[in-house]
C-alpha atoms as a PDB file:
ATOM      1  CA  MET A   1       0.074   0.000   0.006  1.00  0.00           C
ATOM      2  CA  PHE A   2       2.709   2.388   1.017  1.00  0.00           C
ATOM      3  CA  MET A   3       5.191   1.243  -1.797  1.00  0.00           C
ATOM      4  CA  ASN A   4       3.050   3.025  -4.663  1.00  0.00           C
ATOM      5  CA  THR A   5       2.914   5.997  -2.357  1.00  0.00           C
ATOM      6  CA  LEU A   6       6.767   6.323  -2.003  1.00  0.00           C
ATOM      7  CA  THR A   7       7.281   5.887  -5.635  1.00  0.00           C
ATOM      8  CA  THR A   8       4.774   8.450  -6.635  1.00  0.00           C
ATOM      9  CA  LEU A   9       6.063  11.203  -4.166  1.00  0.00           C
ATOM     10  CA  SER A  10       9.859  10.333  -4.680  1.00  0.00           C
ATOM     11  CA  ASN A  11       9.313  10.553  -8.480  1.00  0.00           C
ATOM     12  CA  VAL A  12       7.993  14.254  -8.006  1.00  0.00           C
ATOM     13  CA  LEU A  13      10.614  15.252  -5.681  1.00  0.00           C
ATOM     14  CA  ILE A  14      13.156  13.953  -8.238  1.00  0.00           C
ATOM     15  CA  LEU A  15      11.447  15.885 -10.976  1.00  0.00           C
ATOM     16  CA  ASP A  16      11.543  18.959  -8.573  1.00  0.00           C
ATOM     17  CA  TYR A  17      15.358  18.696  -8.249  1.00  0.00           C
ATOM     18  CA  ALA A  18      15.919  17.654 -11.989  1.00  0.00           C
ATOM     19  CA  SER A  19      17.752  20.142 -14.402  1.00  0.00           C
ATOM     20  CA  LEU A  20      15.230  21.410 -16.889  1.00  0.00           C
ATOM     21  CA  SER A  21      17.686  21.305 -19.654  1.00  0.00           C
ATOM     22  CA  SER A  22      18.400  17.498 -19.094  1.00  0.00           C
ATOM     23  CA  ILE A  23      15.445  16.262 -17.042  1.00  0.00           C
ATOM     24  CA  SER A  24      15.641  12.695 -18.227  1.00  0.00           C
ATOM     25  CA  LYS A  25      19.368  12.454 -17.450  1.00  0.00           C
ATOM     26  CA  SER A  26      18.992  14.009 -13.891  1.00  0.00           C
ATOM     27  CA  PHE A  27      15.738  11.786 -13.191  1.00  0.00           C
ATOM     28  CA  ALA A  28      17.823   8.630 -14.487  1.00  0.00           C
ATOM     29  CA  SER A  29      20.950   9.533 -12.388  1.00  0.00           C
ATOM     30  CA  THR A  30      18.775   9.717  -9.161  1.00  0.00           C
ATOM     31  CA  ARG A  31      16.670   6.440 -10.029  1.00  0.00           C
ATOM     32  CA  VAL A  32      19.880   4.580 -10.647  1.00  0.00           C
ATOM     33  CA  TRP A  33      20.667   4.306  -6.979  1.00  0.00           C
ATOM     34  CA  ALA A  34      17.817   1.567  -6.936  1.00  0.00           C
ATOM     35  CA  PRO A  35      19.454  -1.174  -8.920  1.00  0.00           C
ATOM     36  CA  ILE A  36      22.570  -0.171  -7.184  1.00  0.00           C
ATOM     37  CA  GLY A  37      20.985  -0.907  -3.755  1.00  0.00           C
ATOM     38  CA  PHE A  38      19.281  -4.309  -5.131  1.00  0.00           C
ATOM     39  CA  LEU A  39      22.623  -5.432  -6.476  1.00  0.00           C
ATOM     40  CA  VAL A  40      24.494  -4.743  -3.120  1.00  0.00           C
ATOM     41  CA  MET A  41      21.728  -6.705  -1.405  1.00  0.00           C
ATOM     42  CA  MET A  42      21.859  -9.848  -3.869  1.00  0.00           C
ATOM     43  CA  LEU A  43      25.759  -9.832  -3.593  1.00  0.00           C
ATOM     44  CA  THR A  44      25.511  -9.354   0.357  1.00  0.00           C
ATOM     45  CA  THR A  45      22.867 -12.266   0.703  1.00  0.00           C
ATOM     46  CA  GLY A  46      24.828 -14.150  -1.549  1.00  0.00           C
ATOM     47  CA  PHE A  47      28.054 -14.104   0.764  1.00  0.00           C
ATOM     48  CA  TYR A  48      26.077 -14.158   3.758  1.00  0.00           C
ATOM     49  CA  PRO A  49      23.158 -16.445   3.158  1.00  0.00           C
ATOM     50  CA  LYS A  50      22.240 -16.506   6.716  1.00  0.00           C
ATOM     51  CA  LEU A  51      20.951 -12.877   6.502  1.00  0.00           C
ATOM     52  CA  THR A  52      18.023 -14.208   4.576  1.00  0.00           C
ATOM     53  CA  GLU A  53      16.617 -16.307   7.425  1.00  0.00           C
ATOM     54  CA  SER A  54      13.706 -14.623   9.037  1.00  0.00           C
ATOM     55  CA  THR A  55      15.353 -14.093  12.419  1.00  0.00           C
ATOM     56  CA  PHE A  56      17.896 -11.620  10.679  1.00  0.00           C
ATOM     57  CA  MET A  57      16.008 -10.572   7.494  1.00  0.00           C
ATOM     58  CA  PHE A  58      12.884  -8.849   9.218  1.00  0.00           C
ATOM     59  CA  PRO A  59      14.853  -6.794  11.768  1.00  0.00           C
ATOM     60  CA  ILE A  60      17.450  -5.734   9.285  1.00  0.00           C
ATOM     61  CA  ILE A  61      14.673  -4.553   6.762  1.00  0.00           C
ATOM     62  CA  SER A  62      12.949  -2.554   9.691  1.00  0.00           C
ATOM     63  CA  LEU A  63      16.128  -0.993  10.406  1.00  0.00           C
ATOM     64  CA  VAL A  64      16.970  -0.181   6.870  1.00  0.00           C
ATOM     65  CA  PHE A  65      13.400   1.580   6.501  1.00  0.00           C
ATOM     66  CA  LEU A  66      13.905   3.533   9.848  1.00  0.00           C
ATOM     67  CA  LEU A  67      17.220   4.594   8.399  1.00  0.00           C
ATOM     68  CA  CYS A  68      15.477   5.914   5.213  1.00  0.00           C
ATOM     69  CA  PHE A  69      12.873   7.615   7.295  1.00  0.00           C
ATOM     70  CA  LEU A  70      15.796   9.387   9.068  1.00  0.00           C
ATOM     71  CA  ILE A  71      17.418  10.586   5.723  1.00  0.00           C
ATOM     72  CA  LEU A  72      14.153  11.675   4.480  1.00  0.00           C
ATOM     73  CA  LEU A  73      13.855  14.136   7.469  1.00  0.00           C
ATOM     74  CA  ALA A  74      16.868  15.929   5.947  1.00  0.00           C
ATOM     75  CA  ILE A  75      15.552  16.504   2.430  1.00  0.00           C
ATOM     76  CA  LYS A  76      14.050  19.965   1.859  1.00  0.00           C
ATOM     77  CA  GLU A  77      11.445  20.635  -0.789  1.00  0.00           C
ATOM     78  CA  LEU A  78      12.589  23.481  -3.159  1.00  0.00           C
ATOM     79  CA  GLU A  79      11.214  27.137  -2.660  1.00  0.00           C
ATOM     80  CA  PHE A  80       9.650  27.310  -6.164  1.00  0.00           C
ATOM     81  CA  LYS A  81       6.930  24.984  -5.250  1.00  0.00           C
ATOM     82  CA  VAL A  82       3.581  26.068  -6.482  1.00  0.00           C
ATOM     83  CA  GLU A  83       0.762  26.820  -4.340  1.00  0.00           C
ATOM     84  CA  THR A  84      -1.089  23.636  -2.551  1.00  0.00           C
ATOM     85  CA  LYS A  85      -4.766  22.804  -3.070  1.00  0.00           C
ATOM     86  CA  ILE A  86      -7.079  20.220  -2.213  1.00  0.00           C
ATOM     87  CA  LEU A  87      -7.250  17.510  -4.907  1.00  0.00           C
ATOM     88  CA  THR A  88     -10.905  16.904  -6.111  1.00  0.00           C
ATOM     89  CA  PHE A  89     -12.209  14.289  -8.484  1.00  0.00           C
ATOM     90  CA  ASN A  90     -12.788  16.905 -11.066  1.00  0.00           C
ATOM     91  CA  ASP A  91      -8.942  17.417 -11.082  1.00  0.00           C
ATOM     92  CA  VAL A  92      -8.331  13.794 -11.656  1.00  0.00           C
ATOM     93  CA  LYS A  93     -11.124  13.669 -14.502  1.00  0.00           C
ATOM     94  CA  ARG A  94      -9.929  16.751 -16.223  1.00  0.00           C
ATOM     95  CA  LEU A  95      -6.274  15.146 -16.694  1.00  0.00           C
ATOM     96  CA  ILE A  96      -7.592  11.774 -17.744  1.00  0.00           C
ATOM     97  CA  SER A  97      -9.737  13.696 -20.387  1.00  0.00           C
ATOM     98  CA  VAL A  98      -6.742  15.003 -21.953  1.00  0.00           C
ATOM     99  CA  LYS A  99      -6.301  12.588 -25.095  1.00  0.00           C
ATOM    100  CA  GLU A 100      -2.453  12.141 -25.020  1.00  0.00           C
ATOM    101  CA  VAL A 101      -2.674  11.247 -21.138  1.00  0.00           C
ATOM    102  CA  ARG A 102      -5.555   8.899 -21.569  1.00  0.00           C
ATOM    103  CA  GLU A 103      -3.914   7.021 -24.441  1.00  0.00           C
ATOM    104  CA  PHE A 104      -0.539   6.862 -22.809  1.00  0.00           C
ATOM    105  CA  LEU A 105      -2.179   5.281 -19.760  1.00  0.00           C
ATOM    106  CA  LEU A 106      -3.883   2.758 -21.595  1.00  0.00           C
ATOM    107  CA  PHE A 107      -0.505   1.954 -23.170  1.00  0.00           C
ATOM    108  CA  MET A 108       1.050   1.740 -19.853  1.00  0.00           C
ATOM    109  CA  PHE A 109      -1.529  -0.532 -18.738  1.00  0.00           C
ATOM    110  CA  PHE A 110      -1.364  -3.068 -21.170  1.00  0.00           C
ATOM    111  CA  TYR A 111       2.572  -2.905 -21.148  1.00  0.00           C
ATOM    112  CA  SER A 112       2.720  -3.176 -17.429  1.00  0.00           C
ATOM    113  CA  PHE A 113       0.546  -6.120 -17.455  1.00  0.00           C
ATOM    114  CA  ALA A 114       2.580  -7.872 -19.766  1.00  0.00           C
ATOM    115  CA  LEU A 115       6.013  -6.791 -17.934  1.00  0.00           C
ATOM    116  CA  VAL A 116       4.784  -7.820 -14.503  1.00  0.00           C
ATOM    117  CA  GLY A 117       3.343 -11.008 -15.567  1.00  0.00           C
ATOM    118  CA  THR A 118       6.502 -11.974 -17.453  1.00  0.00           C
ATOM    119  CA  SER A 119       9.304 -11.001 -15.148  1.00  0.00           C
ATOM    120  CA  GLY A 120       7.126 -11.652 -12.009  1.00  0.00           C
ATOM    121  CA  ASN A 121       7.195 -15.535 -12.902  1.00  0.00           C
ATOM    122  CA  VAL A 122      10.583 -15.980 -13.736  1.00  0.00           C
ATOM    123  CA  ASN A 123      11.552 -17.734 -10.703  1.00  0.00           C
ATOM    124  CA  LEU A 124       8.733 -20.197 -11.461  1.00  0.00           C
ATOM    125  CA  LEU A 125      10.034 -20.754 -14.865  1.00  0.00           C
ATOM    126  CA  ILE A 126      13.459 -21.484 -13.903  1.00  0.00           C
ATOM    127  CA  LYS A 127      12.326 -24.170 -11.316  1.00  0.00           C
ATOM    128  CA  TYR A 128       9.920 -25.570 -13.847  1.00  0.00           C
ATOM    129  CA  LEU A 129      12.968 -26.113 -16.291  1.00  0.00           C
ATOM    130  CA  GLY A 130      14.826 -27.671 -13.382  1.00  0.00           C
ATOM    131  CA  GLY A 131      16.893 -24.647 -12.351  1.00  0.00           C
ATOM    132  CA  THR A 132      18.502 -24.029  -8.894  1.00  0.00           C
ATOM    133  CA  ASN A 133      17.982 -21.237  -6.371  1.00  0.00           C
ATOM    134  CA  SER A 134      21.632 -20.222  -7.526  1.00  0.00           C
ATOM    135  CA  ASP A 135      20.013 -19.785 -11.190  1.00  0.00           C
ATOM    136  CA  ILE A 136      17.280 -17.627  -9.773  1.00  0.00           C
ATOM    137  CA  SER A 137      19.811 -15.375  -8.002  1.00  0.00           C
ATOM    138  CA  TRP A 138      21.877 -14.824 -11.212  1.00  0.00           C
ATOM    139  CA  ALA A 139      18.408 -14.138 -13.165  1.00  0.00           C
ATOM    140  CA  LEU A 140      18.008 -11.114 -10.791  1.00  0.00           C
ATOM    141  CA  VAL A 141      21.916 -10.176 -10.674  1.00  0.00           C
ATOM    142  CA  VAL A 142      21.948  -9.969 -14.587  1.00  0.00           C
ATOM    143  CA  CYS A 143      19.202  -7.634 -14.518  1.00  0.00           C
ATOM    144  CA  ALA A 144      20.488  -5.231 -11.867  1.00  0.00           C
ATOM    145  CA  ALA A 145      24.115  -5.168 -13.176  1.00  0.00           C
ATOM    146  CA  PRO A 146      23.365  -3.724 -16.530  1.00  0.00           C
ATOM    147  CA  GLU A 147      20.461  -1.561 -15.399  1.00  0.00           C
ATOM    148  CA  ILE A 148      22.921   0.932 -13.720  1.00  0.00           C
ATOM    149  CA  PRO A 149      24.924   1.820 -16.699  1.00  0.00           C
ATOM    150  CA  MET A 150      21.799   1.763 -19.071  1.00  0.00           C
ATOM    151  CA  SER A 151      19.793   4.102 -16.768  1.00  0.00           C
ATOM    152  CA  TYR A 152      22.278   6.870 -17.439  1.00  0.00           C
ATOM    153  CA  PHE A 153      22.177   5.829 -21.306  1.00  0.00           C
ATOM    154  CA  TRP A 154      18.320   5.838 -21.694  1.00  0.00           C
ATOM    155  CA  GLY A 155      18.102   9.052 -19.585  1.00  0.00           C
ATOM    156  CA  HIS A 156      20.764  10.718 -22.000  1.00  0.00           C
ATOM    157  CA  MET A 157      19.016   9.275 -24.981  1.00  0.00           C
ATOM    158  CA  ALA A 158      15.407  10.804 -23.791  1.00  0.00           C
ATOM    159  CA  ASP A 159      16.747  14.153 -23.598  1.00  0.00           C
ATOM    160  CA  LYS A 160      18.493  13.834 -27.095  1.00  0.00           C
ATOM    161  CA  VAL A 161      16.058  12.039 -29.173  1.00  0.00           C
ATOM    162  CA  GLY A 162      12.746  12.575 -27.098  1.00  0.00           C
ATOM    163  CA  ARG A 163      10.584  10.110 -24.953  1.00  0.00           C
ATOM    164  CA  LYS A 164       8.349   8.599 -27.536  1.00  0.00           C
ATOM    165  CA  PRO A 165      10.791   6.669 -29.549  1.00  0.00           C
ATOM    166  CA  LEU A 166      12.222   5.259 -26.466  1.00  0.00           C
ATOM    167  CA  LEU A 167       8.650   4.178 -25.113  1.00  0.00           C
ATOM    168  CA  LEU A 168       7.892   2.778 -28.510  1.00  0.00           C
ATOM    169  CA  LEU A 169      11.221   0.796 -28.447  1.00  0.00           C
ATOM    170  CA  ALA A 170      10.245  -0.609 -24.977  1.00  0.00           C
ATOM    171  CA  GLY A 171       6.669  -1.425 -26.367  1.00  0.00           C
ATOM    172  CA  LEU A 172       7.890  -3.415 -29.239  1.00  0.00           C
ATOM    173  CA  ALA A 173      10.524  -5.401 -27.011  1.00  0.00           C
ATOM    174  CA  MET A 174       8.065  -6.529 -24.644  1.00  0.00           C
ATOM    175  CA  PRO A 175       6.122  -8.984 -26.580  1.00  0.00           C
ATOM    176  CA  ILE A 176       9.509 -10.339 -27.965  1.00  0.00           C
ATOM    177  CA  ARG A 177      10.714 -10.866 -24.287  1.00  0.00           C
ATOM    178  CA  SER A 178       7.535 -12.705 -23.239  1.00  0.00           C
ATOM    179  CA  PHE A 179       7.753 -15.015 -26.311  1.00  0.00           C
ATOM    180  CA  LEU A 180      11.588 -15.895 -26.011  1.00  0.00           C
ATOM    181  CA  TYR A 181      10.505 -17.340 -22.459  1.00  0.00           C
ATOM    182  CA  PHE A 182       8.264 -19.405 -24.175  1.00  0.00           C
ATOM    183  CA  LEU A 183      11.037 -20.858 -26.204  1.00  0.00           C
ATOM    184  CA  THR A 184      13.342 -21.492 -23.406  1.00  0.00           C
ATOM    185  CA  GLY A 185      14.259 -25.276 -22.728  1.00  0.00           C
ATOM    186  CA  ARG A 186      17.085 -24.426 -19.924  1.00  0.00           C
ATOM    187  CA  ALA A 187      17.282 -22.214 -16.828  1.00  0.00           C
ATOM    188  CA  PHE A 188      20.699 -20.859 -18.467  1.00  0.00           C
ATOM    189  CA  GLU A 189      18.671 -19.587 -21.342  1.00  0.00           C
ATOM    190  CA  VAL A 190      16.360 -17.695 -19.081  1.00  0.00           C
ATOM    191  CA  ILE A 191      19.256 -15.865 -17.587  1.00  0.00           C
ATOM    192  CA  LEU A 192      20.300 -14.892 -21.017  1.00  0.00           C
ATOM    193  CA  ILE A 193      16.990 -13.360 -21.987  1.00  0.00           C
ATOM    194  CA  GLN A 194      16.980 -11.724 -18.562  1.00  0.00           C
ATOM    195  CA  PHE A 195      20.295  -9.914 -19.523  1.00  0.00           C
ATOM    196  CA  PHE A 196      19.545  -8.747 -23.071  1.00  0.00           C
ATOM    197  CA  THR A 197      15.870  -7.920 -22.711  1.00  0.00           C
ATOM    198  CA  HIS A 198      15.557  -6.314 -19.242  1.00  0.00           C
ATOM    199  CA  ILE A 199      17.370  -3.038 -20.543  1.00  0.00           C
ATOM    200  CA  PHE A 200      14.986  -2.571 -23.236  1.00  0.00           C
ATOM    201  CA  THR A 201      11.867  -3.227 -21.183  1.00  0.00           C
ATOM    202  CA  PHE A 202      12.063  -2.277 -17.842  1.00  0.00           C
ATOM    203  CA  VAL A 203      14.782   0.032 -17.748  1.00  0.00           C
ATOM    204  CA  ILE A 204      13.517   2.264 -20.447  1.00  0.00           C
ATOM    205  CA  SER A 205       9.713   2.360 -18.908  1.00  0.00           C
ATOM    206  CA  ILE A 206      10.824   3.126 -15.294  1.00  0.00           C
ATOM    207  CA  ASN A 207      13.106   5.996 -16.316  1.00  0.00           C
ATOM    208  CA  VAL A 208      11.250   7.658 -19.322  1.00  0.00           C
ATOM    209  CA  ALA A 209       7.490   6.872 -18.568  1.00  0.00           C
ATOM    210  CA  PRO A 210       7.419   9.281 -15.355  1.00  0.00           C
ATOM    211  CA  ILE A 211       9.186  12.100 -17.392  1.00  0.00           C
ATOM    212  CA  TYR A 212       6.625  11.692 -20.597  1.00  0.00           C
ATOM    213  CA  VAL A 213       3.717  12.089 -18.259  1.00  0.00           C
ATOM    214  CA  ASN A 214       5.526  15.109 -16.524  1.00  0.00           C
ATOM    215  CA  ASP A 215       5.812  16.696 -20.101  1.00  0.00           C
ATOM    216  CA  LEU A 216       2.091  16.290 -20.571  1.00  0.00           C
ATOM    217  CA  VAL A 217       0.839  18.078 -17.494  1.00  0.00           C
ATOM    218  CA  SER A 218       1.054  21.482 -16.215  1.00  0.00           C
ATOM    219  CA  PRO A 219       3.490  22.135 -13.340  1.00  0.00           C
ATOM    220  CA  LYS A 220       0.550  22.815 -10.843  1.00  0.00           C
ATOM    221  CA  GLU A 221      -0.393  19.016 -11.849  1.00  0.00           C
ATOM    222  CA  ARG A 222       2.923  17.220 -11.601  1.00  0.00           C
ATOM    223  CA  ALA A 223       2.257  15.120  -8.429  1.00  0.00           C
ATOM    224  CA  THR A 224      -1.403  14.539  -9.673  1.00  0.00           C
ATOM    225  CA  GLY A 225       0.055  13.211 -13.013  1.00  0.00           C
ATOM    226  CA  GLN A 226       2.577  10.811 -11.397  1.00  0.00           C
ATOM    227  CA  GLY A 227      -0.105   9.483  -8.948  1.00  0.00           C
ATOM    228  CA  ILE A 228      -2.350   8.734 -12.035  1.00  0.00           C
ATOM    229  CA  LEU A 229       0.478   7.194 -13.870  1.00  0.00           C
ATOM    230  CA  ASN A 230       1.276   4.825 -10.862  1.00  0.00           C
ATOM    231  CA  LEU A 231      -2.549   4.185 -10.237  1.00  0.00           C
ATOM    232  CA  SER A 232      -2.720   2.627 -13.874  1.00  0.00           C
ATOM    233  CA  VAL A 233       0.357   0.652 -13.505  1.00  0.00           C
ATOM    234  CA  ALA A 234      -0.486  -0.534 -10.033  1.00  0.00           C
ATOM    235  CA  LEU A 235      -4.134  -1.695 -11.301  1.00  0.00           C
ATOM    236  CA  SER A 236      -2.324  -3.331 -14.069  1.00  0.00           C
ATOM    237  CA  GLN A 237       0.210  -5.352 -11.893  1.00  0.00           C
ATOM    238  CA  THR A 238      -2.722  -6.369  -9.684  1.00  0.00           C
ATOM    239  CA  LEU A 239      -4.739  -7.807 -12.487  1.00  0.00           C
ATOM    240  CA  SER A 240      -1.595  -9.287 -14.110  1.00  0.00           C
ATOM    241  CA  SER A 241      -0.453 -11.234 -10.842  1.00  0.00           C
ATOM    242  CA  PHE A 242      -4.144 -12.436 -10.464  1.00  0.00           C
ATOM    243  CA  ILE A 243      -4.938 -13.377 -14.095  1.00  0.00           C
ATOM    244  CA  SER A 244      -1.482 -14.750 -15.042  1.00  0.00           C
ATOM    245  CA  GLY A 245      -1.321 -16.988 -12.251  1.00  0.00           C
ATOM    246  CA  ASN A 246      -4.933 -18.571 -13.302  1.00  0.00           C
ATOM    247  CA  VAL A 247      -3.943 -18.710 -16.793  1.00  0.00           C
ATOM    248  CA  ALA A 248      -0.723 -20.615 -15.898  1.00  0.00           C
ATOM    249  CA  ASN A 249      -2.860 -23.231 -14.216  1.00  0.00           C
ATOM    250  CA  MET A 250      -5.327 -23.632 -17.123  1.00  0.00           C
ATOM    251  CA  VAL A 251      -2.708 -23.913 -19.993  1.00  0.00           C
ATOM    252  CA  GLY A 252       0.648 -24.280 -18.206  1.00  0.00           C
ATOM    253  CA  LEU A 253       3.564 -22.060 -17.573  1.00  0.00           C
ATOM    254  CA  LYS A 254       4.637 -21.967 -21.053  1.00  0.00           C
ATOM    255  CA  GLY A 255       1.190 -21.028 -22.334  1.00  0.00           C
ATOM    256  CA  MET A 256       1.028 -18.094 -19.912  1.00  0.00           C
ATOM    257  CA  TYR A 257       4.050 -16.610 -21.763  1.00  0.00           C
ATOM    258  CA  ILE A 258       2.095 -16.934 -25.114  1.00  0.00           C
ATOM    259  CA  PHE A 259      -0.866 -14.991 -23.418  1.00  0.00           C
ATOM    260  CA  LEU A 260       1.515 -12.408 -22.157  1.00  0.00           C
ATOM    261  CA  ALA A 261       3.195 -12.105 -25.300  1.00  0.00           C
ATOM    262  CA  VAL A 262      -0.280 -11.283 -26.817  1.00  0.00           C
ATOM    263  CA  ILE A 263      -0.839  -8.767 -24.377  1.00  0.00           C
ATOM    264  CA  GLY A 264       2.422  -7.056 -24.988  1.00  0.00           C
ATOM    265  CA  LEU A 265       1.486  -7.349 -28.559  1.00  0.00           C
ATOM    266  CA  ILE A 266      -1.354  -5.268 -27.970  1.00  0.00           C
ATOM    267  CA  SER A 267       0.334  -2.489 -26.171  1.00  0.00           C
ATOM    268  CA  ALA A 268       2.954  -2.274 -29.036  1.00  0.00           C
ATOM    269  CA  ILE A 269       0.324  -1.994 -31.623  1.00  0.00           C
ATOM    270  CA  TRP A 270      -1.351   0.763 -29.371  1.00  0.00           C
ATOM    271  CA  GLY A 271       2.103   2.226 -29.009  1.00  0.00           C
ATOM    272  CA  LEU A 272       2.687   2.303 -32.765  1.00  0.00           C
ATOM    273  CA  LYS A 273      -0.626   4.112 -33.191  1.00  0.00           C
ATOM    274  CA  ILE A 274      -0.130   6.767 -30.421  1.00  0.00           C
ATOM    275  CA  PHE A 275       3.657   7.315 -30.724  1.00  0.00           C
ATOM    276  CA  ARG A 276       3.862   7.249 -34.554  1.00  0.00           C
ATOM    277  CA  LYS A 277       3.672  11.066 -34.927  1.00  0.00           C
ATOM    278  CA  SER A 278       6.859  11.336 -32.597  1.00  0.00           C
ATOM    279  CA  LYS A 279       9.198  14.261 -33.553  1.00  0.00           C
END
């Protein structure tokens, strides 16, 4: 419940601090600390697996969140913040009524549905193919490691060539990623797919989508715009987790990836339609 709140408001804070001349690069250079933290966590638990036991894991997580809270107290909002106001349903309705906003939210809904269903079940796929817990760890590490330099790269490219071409690239890569998992026969192949496709799907969308929404809304509606984006993504993720699991029960894990590839294809076709006029 609070993770989506954290994501929304942290994105707004980052956008407030970002340089207007290179907003995507500034956003990515801050967002990159997430995969750095993830990679440190994976390496630490790899060397000290005892930390994953419940007697150690949950107290450590609680202390980490407490440290985050203390650090947050030191962060100050910039002085140029516009006046505050009470959010009404009409404010949200007005934003959604903007054609470009509404079309992009629909794109993100289908895209996130395919992305979460595809990546969220990788551990099950590895087990299904006879892989080990070590294979699952490597499948996560090979995502986090290249995400660090590629976040900088896509942030730079988003300022240089624009947001739409990159979002379209991510949309086209998503059904390919899902279909490739369907073709796998060994856990090692899953790890390779993770390595080569994660940087074109998740890394682009997580760094560029918030910037694109920020471009579409007025400065007074920056937080509302980010909230609507994360609302669409959260709804998509919830439905994806529930529906994908049921589809896997009905047609098997490999059949589920075909289903997700179709959903990804829908997002790609829709992306081609709405992004075709990109400058």
